[in-house]
Amino acid sequence: MAKFNYDWKLSETTFTKDKGNVFSCFACGGGSTMGYKLAGFNVCGDNEIDKRMNDCYVENHNPKYNFLMDIKDLLISKLPHHLYDLDILDGSPPCSSFSFAGSREKDWGKEKKFKEGQKKQVLDTLFFDFIDLSKKLQPKIVIAENVEGLMMGNAIDYVKKIYKEFDKAGYYTQHHILDGSLMGVPQRRRRVFFICIRKDLRNLIPESNLDMINQSPYLDLRFNEKEIPFGEIEEIDNNRIPISEKEKEMWEKSDELGYYYKDNGKGNGERMFGFFYKMMKNRVSKTIIGGGCYALQDIPYKLNKNEICKISSFPSDYNFLNQNVYTICGMSVPPIMIANIADRIYDKWLKYIGQSIHIY
């Protein structure tokens, strides 16, 4: 049985807050924050540039420290001394420029107006701003999440630089590509996680938790939970919203990968990708993305809010403030992915290092 349940409520969950203190950057709606809370950590604050996302975060988490600003501005701000006593600094730098669903190399290095904050930013440099914040605050552990596409093709040069900059900031670094469907999340969501530990803490880690080759701290993040097909979470709902006529054409012809055949009337149609997905009852859900459309396999109706929450391991009583459920869940780390990682970090590292004694 999975340690963390994907079907849960904020209002019915007791958060122990006894494992240490966390601050979350690029916090979005608080997916990672909820994961740390489930694992017993105290999340004392967050940083987010998008006011709409930040409003949802504040509504659901009521953080002690909330910074609605560009991380570049956070870097030069006078910060409370509590943030220099963190057990974990968490961050999910916006990643659309590395995703294979985007333009990748064509967008690298360009200042553009992205969804995140509706402000011009160079998204592929934000990761290094986050590393600079790590260097400034010097938390015991740093966790950074990004799309799997960061590890592919020409983007690998960014990964080499990430390792180099974390090393200069004083951290041992390792990365893991994890799939949420093997961690108790009803969704095939593959992401890369960079796990970093401050170098001066190495001698506190037991020999059994060190890498055999270079003797740096190593974290085993292998998970093998039973996969959860959509049929297990599908609900009986007589008030579903039907898909549009345009979407219905895709629904009738699409496969489970989101492709559909578009007939041009000349007998030589083409296979198109429409970000449209049928939920196959016997398959795990595909990755939830903000711009996608998700419908049932047997009838042309959309998934309901509870189903999207369960697929994303979001609590069913999360207050979305009338914002798009797909957008918030699609841009957030599934809480249970982080809960599993944070639980393993505490068990293998922090319980030997000792966590910050102050709860804020």
Foldseek 3Di string as FASTA:
>chain_A
DAPDALEAAPVPDDFQQPLFEEEEECCFLNQQVLLCRVLRHFYQEYEAQAPLRQVLNCVSPVHNDYHHHQLVVVLPDDDDVVLLAGQEYEYEQDEQLLDPVHDNPVLAPDFDQDPRNSHTDRRLCSLVSSLSVCLVSVHFKYKYKYAPSCCDDPSVVSVVVSCVSNVVSQKDKDKDWDFVQQLNALEGGTMMMIMIGGPVQLVLFDQVQADPPPRGGHFDDDGGHHGDALLVVADDDPPFAFDDPVVVQCLVAPDQVQWGWDDPPPPDTDIDHDLEHERDRVHRHYQQAQPHFYAHNPHRTGGDLSSLSSNLSHHPPRDSVPDDSSHSSNVHHRSSVSNSVSNRCSVRPCVSSDHDPDRD
